[in-house]
Amino acid sequence: FKVFPNPTSGNLSIHLGYNYNSIKAELFSIDGKLVDSYIFNNSSVVDLLIDNPAGYYFINLQASDSKKAVIKVLKK
């Protein structure tokens, strides 16, 4: 998959390369606190807005077919 732009000013796109029935995306702060949670249905692209202070964040992605990924993002 492709993640851009990283670092970001807030808008972030994740191109998954495959269309998934359901994707759960969770945004965590660097200290492990859940900041936001999203559900995307029938999608190959996840568009997020990180509307939080500058810093590092982790995005946990989980697809309906049990595939998982963790992405580290810098919000400037």
PDB file of N, CA and C in Angstrom:
ATOM      1  N   PHE A   1       0.824  -1.182   0.000  1.00  0.00           N
ATOM      2  CA  PHE A   1       0.000   0.000   0.000  1.00  0.00           C
ATOM      3  C   PHE A   1       0.867   1.244   0.000  1.00  0.00           C
ATOM      4  N   LYS A   2       0.229   2.382  -0.273  1.00  0.00           N
ATOM      5  CA  LYS A   2       0.938   3.664  -0.324  1.00  0.00           C
ATOM      6  C   LYS A   2       0.274   4.633   0.647  1.00  0.00           C
ATOM      7  N   VAL A   3       1.106   5.362   1.397  1.00  0.00           N
ATOM      8  CA  VAL A   3       0.635   6.338   2.369  1.00  0.00           C
ATOM      9  C   VAL A   3       1.227   7.689   1.986  1.00  0.00           C
ATOM     10  N   PHE A   4       0.373   8.692   1.820  1.00  0.00           N
ATOM     11  CA  PHE A   4       0.913  10.011   1.476  1.00  0.00           C
ATOM     12  C   PHE A   4      -0.088  11.102   1.842  1.00  0.00           C
ATOM     13  N   PRO A   5       0.360  12.327   2.063  1.00  0.00           N
ATOM     14  CA  PRO A   5       1.767  12.664   2.314  1.00  0.00           C
ATOM     15  C   PRO A   5       2.161  12.295   3.735  1.00  0.00           C
ATOM     16  N   ASN A   6       3.391  11.952   3.920  1.00  0.00           N
ATOM     17  CA  ASN A   6       3.918  11.624   5.247  1.00  0.00           C
ATOM     18  C   ASN A   6       5.337  12.163   5.318  1.00  0.00           C
ATOM     19  N   PRO A   7       5.561  13.274   6.014  1.00  0.00           N
ATOM     20  CA  PRO A   7       4.679  13.906   7.002  1.00  0.00           C
ATOM     21  C   PRO A   7       3.497  14.615   6.350  1.00  0.00           C
ATOM     22  N   THR A   8       2.463  14.833   7.172  1.00  0.00           N
ATOM     23  CA  THR A   8       1.224  15.424   6.689  1.00  0.00           C
ATOM     24  C   THR A   8       0.863  16.667   7.505  1.00  0.00           C
ATOM     25  N   SER A   9       0.084  17.539   6.902  1.00  0.00           N
ATOM     26  CA  SER A   9      -0.454  18.681   7.636  1.00  0.00           C
ATOM     27  C   SER A   9      -1.821  18.339   8.227  1.00  0.00           C
ATOM     28  N   GLY A  10      -2.317  17.144   7.944  1.00  0.00           N
ATOM     29  CA  GLY A  10      -3.589  16.685   8.505  1.00  0.00           C
ATOM     30  C   GLY A  10      -4.326  15.720   7.609  1.00  0.00           C
ATOM     31  N   ASN A  11      -4.386  16.001   6.301  1.00  0.00           N
ATOM     32  CA  ASN A  11      -5.059  15.109   5.356  1.00  0.00           C
ATOM     33  C   ASN A  11      -4.107  14.000   4.928  1.00  0.00           C
ATOM     34  N   LEU A  12      -4.571  12.764   5.040  1.00  0.00           N
ATOM     35  CA  LEU A  12      -3.731  11.611   4.755  1.00  0.00           C
ATOM     36  C   LEU A  12      -4.525  10.611   3.920  1.00  0.00           C
ATOM     37  N   SER A  13      -3.903  10.072   2.870  1.00  0.00           N
ATOM     38  CA  SER A  13      -4.520   9.036   2.040  1.00  0.00           C
ATOM     39  C   SER A  13      -3.704   7.761   2.137  1.00  0.00           C
ATOM     40  N   ILE A  14      -4.415   6.659   2.275  1.00  0.00           N
ATOM     41  CA  ILE A  14      -3.789   5.337   2.290  1.00  0.00           C
ATOM     42  C   ILE A  14      -4.422   4.539   1.159  1.00  0.00           C
ATOM     43  N   HIS A  15      -3.623   4.247   0.131  1.00  0.00           N
ATOM     44  CA  HIS A  15      -4.094   3.444  -0.999  1.00  0.00           C
ATOM     45  C   HIS A  15      -3.728   1.994  -0.710  1.00  0.00           C
ATOM     46  N   LEU A  16      -4.734   1.158  -0.599  1.00  0.00           N
ATOM     47  CA  LEU A  16      -4.555  -0.223  -0.148  1.00  0.00           C
ATOM     48  C   LEU A  16      -4.175  -1.189  -1.258  1.00  0.00           C
ATOM     49  N   GLY A  17      -4.424  -0.819  -2.512  1.00  0.00           N
ATOM     50  CA  GLY A  17      -4.071  -1.682  -3.626  1.00  0.00           C
ATOM     51  C   GLY A  17      -5.067  -2.804  -3.878  1.00  0.00           C
ATOM     52  N   TYR A  18      -6.130  -2.846  -3.105  1.00  0.00           N
ATOM     53  CA  TYR A  18      -7.143  -3.887  -3.232  1.00  0.00           C
ATOM     54  C   TYR A  18      -8.426  -3.344  -2.617  1.00  0.00           C
ATOM     55  N   ASN A  19      -9.570  -3.719  -3.143  1.00  0.00           N
ATOM     56  CA  ASN A  19     -10.853  -3.276  -2.596  1.00  0.00           C
ATOM     57  C   ASN A  19     -11.283  -4.219  -1.471  1.00  0.00           C
ATOM     58  N   TYR A  20     -11.470  -3.682  -0.283  1.00  0.00           N
ATOM     59  CA  TYR A  20     -11.878  -4.474   0.884  1.00  0.00           C
ATOM     60  C   TYR A  20     -13.333  -4.183   1.231  1.00  0.00           C
ATOM     61  N   ASN A  21     -14.043  -5.226   1.691  1.00  0.00           N
ATOM     62  CA  ASN A  21     -15.433  -5.057   2.107  1.00  0.00           C
ATOM     63  C   ASN A  21     -15.540  -4.116   3.303  1.00  0.00           C
ATOM     64  N   SER A  22     -14.612  -4.258   4.241  1.00  0.00           N
ATOM     65  CA  SER A  22     -14.641  -3.434   5.442  1.00  0.00           C
ATOM     66  C   SER A  22     -13.221  -3.217   5.957  1.00  0.00           C
ATOM     67  N   ILE A  23     -12.937  -1.976   6.312  1.00  0.00           N
ATOM     68  CA  ILE A  23     -11.641  -1.614   6.889  1.00  0.00           C
ATOM     69  C   ILE A  23     -11.908  -0.826   8.165  1.00  0.00           C
ATOM     70  N   LYS A  24     -11.257  -1.217   9.246  1.00  0.00           N
ATOM     71  CA  LYS A  24     -11.318  -0.449  10.486  1.00  0.00           C
ATOM     72  C   LYS A  24      -9.971   0.242  10.649  1.00  0.00           C
ATOM     73  N   ALA A  25     -10.011   1.549  10.856  1.00  0.00           N
ATOM     74  CA  ALA A  25      -8.794   2.332  11.064  1.00  0.00           C
ATOM     75  C   ALA A  25      -8.881   2.985  12.434  1.00  0.00           C
ATOM     76  N   GLU A  26      -7.840   2.805  13.230  1.00  0.00           N
ATOM     77  CA  GLU A  26      -7.775   3.424  14.550  1.00  0.00           C
ATOM     78  C   GLU A  26      -6.533   4.292  14.617  1.00  0.00           C
ATOM     79  N   LEU A  27      -6.709   5.518  15.086  1.00  0.00           N
ATOM     80  CA  LEU A  27      -5.619   6.482  15.208  1.00  0.00           C
ATOM     81  C   LEU A  27      -5.208   6.561  16.669  1.00  0.00           C
ATOM     82  N   PHE A  28      -3.919   6.294  16.926  1.00  0.00           N
ATOM     83  CA  PHE A  28      -3.379   6.324  18.282  1.00  0.00           C
ATOM     84  C   PHE A  28      -2.300   7.389  18.388  1.00  0.00           C
ATOM     85  N   SER A  29      -2.249   8.067  19.532  1.00  0.00           N
ATOM     86  CA  SER A  29      -1.159   8.998  19.806  1.00  0.00           C
ATOM     87  C   SER A  29       0.102   8.192  20.084  1.00  0.00           C
ATOM     88  N   ILE A  30       1.246   8.868  20.116  1.00  0.00           N
ATOM     89  CA  ILE A  30       2.528   8.188  20.326  1.00  0.00           C
ATOM     90  C   ILE A  30       2.583   7.485  21.681  1.00  0.00           C
ATOM     91  N   ASP A  31       1.788   7.971  22.648  1.00  0.00           N
ATOM     92  CA  ASP A  31       1.781   7.347  23.976  1.00  0.00           C
ATOM     93  C   ASP A  31       0.716   6.255  24.100  1.00  0.00           C
ATOM     94  N   GLY A  32       0.092   5.870  22.962  1.00  0.00           N
ATOM     95  CA  GLY A  32      -0.808   4.726  22.947  1.00  0.00           C
ATOM     96  C   GLY A  32      -2.268   5.020  23.224  1.00  0.00           C
ATOM     97  N   LYS A  33      -2.653   6.278  23.317  1.00  0.00           N
ATOM     98  CA  LYS A  33      -4.056   6.615  23.571  1.00  0.00           C
ATOM     99  C   LYS A  33      -4.837   6.640  22.254  1.00  0.00           C
ATOM    100  N   LEU A  34      -6.020   6.020  22.268  1.00  0.00           N
ATOM    101  CA  LEU A  34      -6.886   6.024  21.097  1.00  0.00           C
ATOM    102  C   LEU A  34      -7.408   7.434  20.874  1.00  0.00           C
ATOM    103  N   VAL A  35      -7.149   7.987  19.700  1.00  0.00           N
ATOM    104  CA  VAL A  35      -7.551   9.353  19.366  1.00  0.00           C
ATOM    105  C   VAL A  35      -8.849   9.352  18.554  1.00  0.00           C
ATOM    106  N   ASP A  36      -8.955   8.424  17.593  1.00  0.00           N
ATOM    107  CA  ASP A  36     -10.139   8.361  16.741  1.00  0.00           C
ATOM    108  C   ASP A  36     -10.254   6.979  16.119  1.00  0.00           C
ATOM    109  N   SER A  37     -11.444   6.649  15.671  1.00  0.00           N
ATOM    110  CA  SER A  37     -11.695   5.354  15.051  1.00  0.00           C
ATOM    111  C   SER A  37     -12.612   5.568  13.847  1.00  0.00           C
ATOM    112  N   TYR A  38     -12.359   4.826  12.778  1.00  0.00           N
ATOM    113  CA  TYR A  38     -13.098   4.989  11.533  1.00  0.00           C
ATOM    114  C   TYR A  38     -13.431   3.611  10.958  1.00  0.00           C
ATOM    115  N   ILE A  39     -14.537   3.538  10.221  1.00  0.00           N
ATOM    116  CA  ILE A  39     -14.907   2.335   9.472  1.00  0.00           C
ATOM    117  C   ILE A  39     -15.121   2.752   8.015  1.00  0.00           C
ATOM    118  N   PHE A  40     -14.516   2.001   7.102  1.00  0.00           N
ATOM    119  CA  PHE A  40     -14.673   2.243   5.669  1.00  0.00           C
ATOM    120  C   PHE A  40     -15.216   0.970   5.047  1.00  0.00           C
ATOM    121  N   ASN A  41     -16.263   1.100   4.241  1.00  0.00           N
ATOM    122  CA  ASN A  41     -16.883  -0.053   3.589  1.00  0.00           C
ATOM    123  C   ASN A  41     -16.655  -0.014   2.095  1.00  0.00           C
ATOM    124  N   ASN A  42     -16.363  -1.195   1.539  1.00  0.00           N
ATOM    125  CA  ASN A  42     -16.179  -1.364   0.095  1.00  0.00           C
ATOM    126  C   ASN A  42     -15.234  -0.306  -0.467  1.00  0.00           C
ATOM    127  N   SER A  43     -14.000  -0.319   0.028  1.00  0.00           N
ATOM    128  CA  SER A  43     -13.059   0.736  -0.324  1.00  0.00           C
ATOM    129  C   SER A  43     -11.656   0.187  -0.553  1.00  0.00           C
ATOM    130  N   SER A  44     -10.930   0.871  -1.439  1.00  0.00           N
ATOM    131  CA  SER A  44      -9.515   0.567  -1.651  1.00  0.00           C
ATOM    132  C   SER A  44      -8.642   1.745  -1.223  1.00  0.00           C
ATOM    133  N   VAL A  45      -9.302   2.836  -0.801  1.00  0.00           N
ATOM    134  CA  VAL A  45      -8.602   4.035  -0.344  1.00  0.00           C
ATOM    135  C   VAL A  45      -9.181   4.461   0.997  1.00  0.00           C
ATOM    136  N   VAL A  46      -8.287   4.786   1.932  1.00  0.00           N
ATOM    137  CA  VAL A  46      -8.687   5.304   3.230  1.00  0.00           C
ATOM    138  C   VAL A  46      -8.194   6.746   3.307  1.00  0.00           C
ATOM    139  N   ASP A  47      -9.118   7.688   3.432  1.00  0.00           N
ATOM    140  CA  ASP A  47      -8.771   9.107   3.580  1.00  0.00           C
ATOM    141  C   ASP A  47      -9.073   9.531   5.005  1.00  0.00           C
ATOM    142  N   LEU A  48      -8.046  10.012   5.690  1.00  0.00           N
ATOM    143  CA  LEU A  48      -8.189  10.430   7.084  1.00  0.00           C
ATOM    144  C   LEU A  48      -7.827  11.891   7.250  1.00  0.00           C
ATOM    145  N   LEU A  49      -8.433  12.512   8.242  1.00  0.00           N
ATOM    146  CA  LEU A  49      -8.054  13.851   8.651  1.00  0.00           C
ATOM    147  C   LEU A  49      -7.563  13.750  10.084  1.00  0.00           C
ATOM    148  N   ILE A  50      -6.287  14.049  10.286  1.00  0.00           N
ATOM    149  CA  ILE A  50      -5.726  14.068  11.640  1.00  0.00           C
ATOM    150  C   ILE A  50      -5.869  15.499  12.143  1.00  0.00           C
ATOM    151  N   ASP A  51      -6.913  15.704  12.932  1.00  0.00           N
ATOM    152  CA  ASP A  51      -7.246  17.040  13.432  1.00  0.00           C
ATOM    153  C   ASP A  51      -6.785  17.150  14.882  1.00  0.00           C
ATOM    154  N   ASN A  52      -5.513  16.869  15.090  1.00  0.00           N
ATOM    155  CA  ASN A  52      -4.922  16.854  16.424  1.00  0.00           C
ATOM    156  C   ASN A  52      -3.593  17.601  16.377  1.00  0.00           C
ATOM    157  N   PRO A  53      -2.991  17.853  17.529  1.00  0.00           N
ATOM    158  CA  PRO A  53      -1.709  18.575  17.546  1.00  0.00           C
ATOM    159  C   PRO A  53      -0.609  17.854  16.762  1.00  0.00           C
ATOM    160  N   ALA A  54       0.413  18.613  16.400  1.00  0.00           N
ATOM    161  CA  ALA A  54       1.563  18.048  15.686  1.00  0.00           C
ATOM    162  C   ALA A  54       2.224  16.966  16.526  1.00  0.00           C
ATOM    163  N   GLY A  55       2.773  15.961  15.844  1.00  0.00           N
ATOM    164  CA  GLY A  55       3.474  14.882  16.530  1.00  0.00           C
ATOM    165  C   GLY A  55       3.340  13.586  15.760  1.00  0.00           C
ATOM    166  N   TYR A  56       3.865  12.511  16.348  1.00  0.00           N
ATOM    167  CA  TYR A  56       3.787  11.183  15.737  1.00  0.00           C
ATOM    168  C   TYR A  56       2.500  10.482  16.153  1.00  0.00           C
ATOM    169  N   TYR A  57       1.930   9.741  15.208  1.00  0.00           N
ATOM    170  CA  TYR A  57       0.720   8.962  15.442  1.00  0.00           C
ATOM    171  C   TYR A  57       0.898   7.589  14.799  1.00  0.00           C
ATOM    172  N   PHE A  58       0.148   6.619  15.310  1.00  0.00           N
ATOM    173  CA  PHE A  58       0.090   5.294  14.715  1.00  0.00           C
ATOM    174  C   PHE A  58      -1.320   5.055  14.206  1.00  0.00           C
ATOM    175  N   ILE A  59      -1.412   4.487  13.006  1.00  0.00           N
ATOM    176  CA  ILE A  59      -2.701   4.109  12.448  1.00  0.00           C
ATOM    177  C   ILE A  59      -2.710   2.583  12.350  1.00  0.00           C
ATOM    178  N   ASN A  60      -3.651   1.973  13.052  1.00  0.00           N
ATOM    179  CA  ASN A  60      -3.846   0.528  12.970  1.00  0.00           C
ATOM    180  C   ASN A  60      -4.953   0.259  11.975  1.00  0.00           C
ATOM    181  N   LEU A  61      -4.656  -0.517  10.955  1.00  0.00           N
ATOM    182  CA  LEU A  61      -5.650  -0.896   9.955  1.00  0.00           C
ATOM    183  C   LEU A  61      -5.960  -2.374  10.105  1.00  0.00           C
ATOM    184  N   GLN A  62      -7.246  -2.712  10.050  1.00  0.00           N
ATOM    185  CA  GLN A  62      -7.639  -4.113  10.065  1.00  0.00           C
ATOM    186  C   GLN A  62      -8.737  -4.311   9.039  1.00  0.00           C
ATOM    187  N   ALA A  63      -8.479  -5.228   8.114  1.00  0.00           N
ATOM    188  CA  ALA A  63      -9.440  -5.531   7.053  1.00  0.00           C
ATOM    189  C   ALA A  63     -10.367  -6.651   7.492  1.00  0.00           C
ATOM    190  N   SER A  64     -11.485  -6.766   6.797  1.00  0.00           N
ATOM    191  CA  SER A  64     -12.472  -7.796   7.114  1.00  0.00           C
ATOM    192  C   SER A  64     -11.919  -9.209   6.925  1.00  0.00           C
ATOM    193  N   ASP A  65     -10.863  -9.352   6.127  1.00  0.00           N
ATOM    194  CA  ASP A  65     -10.262 -10.681   5.911  1.00  0.00           C
ATOM    195  C   ASP A  65      -9.099 -10.932   6.869  1.00  0.00           C
ATOM    196  N   SER A  66      -9.022 -10.179   7.962  1.00  0.00           N
ATOM    197  CA  SER A  66      -8.044 -10.328   9.047  1.00  0.00           C
ATOM    198  C   SER A  66      -6.647  -9.811   8.724  1.00  0.00           C
ATOM    199  N   LYS A  67      -6.451  -9.181   7.575  1.00  0.00           N
ATOM    200  CA  LYS A  67      -5.160  -8.559   7.287  1.00  0.00           C
ATOM    201  C   LYS A  67      -5.013  -7.321   8.163  1.00  0.00           C
ATOM    202  N   LYS A  68      -3.772  -7.100   8.669  1.00  0.00           N
ATOM    203  CA  LYS A  68      -3.520  -5.979   9.568  1.00  0.00           C
ATOM    204  C   LYS A  68      -2.272  -5.228   9.143  1.00  0.00           C
ATOM    205  N   ALA A  69      -2.243  -3.943   9.486  1.00  0.00           N
ATOM    206  CA  ALA A  69      -1.059  -3.124   9.235  1.00  0.00           C
ATOM    207  C   ALA A  69      -1.021  -2.008  10.274  1.00  0.00           C
ATOM    208  N   VAL A  70       0.191  -1.584  10.606  1.00  0.00           N
ATOM    209  CA  VAL A  70       0.397  -0.443  11.492  1.00  0.00           C
ATOM    210  C   VAL A  70       1.266   0.555  10.744  1.00  0.00           C
ATOM    211  N   ILE A  71       0.827   1.805  10.707  1.00  0.00           N
ATOM    212  CA  ILE A  71       1.521   2.855   9.969  1.00  0.00           C
ATOM    213  C   ILE A  71       1.882   3.963  10.934  1.00  0.00           C
ATOM    214  N   LYS A  72       3.138   4.389  10.884  1.00  0.00           N
ATOM    215  CA  LYS A  72       3.598   5.529  11.697  1.00  0.00           C
ATOM    216  C   LYS A  72       3.542   6.779  10.836  1.00  0.00           C
ATOM    217  N   VAL A  73       2.885   7.829  11.369  1.00  0.00           N
ATOM    218  CA  VAL A  73       2.659   9.066  10.618  1.00  0.00           C
ATOM    219  C   VAL A  73       3.131  10.249  11.450  1.00  0.00           C
ATOM    220  N   LEU A  74       3.732  11.207  10.780  1.00  0.00           N
ATOM    221  CA  LEU A  74       4.137  12.449  11.438  1.00  0.00           C
ATOM    222  C   LEU A  74       3.210  13.563  10.975  1.00  0.00           C
ATOM    223  N   LYS A  75       2.520  14.187  11.934  1.00  0.00           N
ATOM    224  CA  LYS A  75       1.723  15.374  11.616  1.00  0.00           C
ATOM    225  C   LYS A  75       2.573  16.587  11.955  1.00  0.00           C
ATOM    226  N   LYS A  76       2.756  17.469  10.965  1.00  0.00           N
ATOM    227  CA  LYS A  76       3.581  18.651  11.201  1.00  0.00           C
ATOM    228  C   LYS A  76       2.742  19.866  11.479  1.00  0.00           C
TER     229      LYS A  76
END
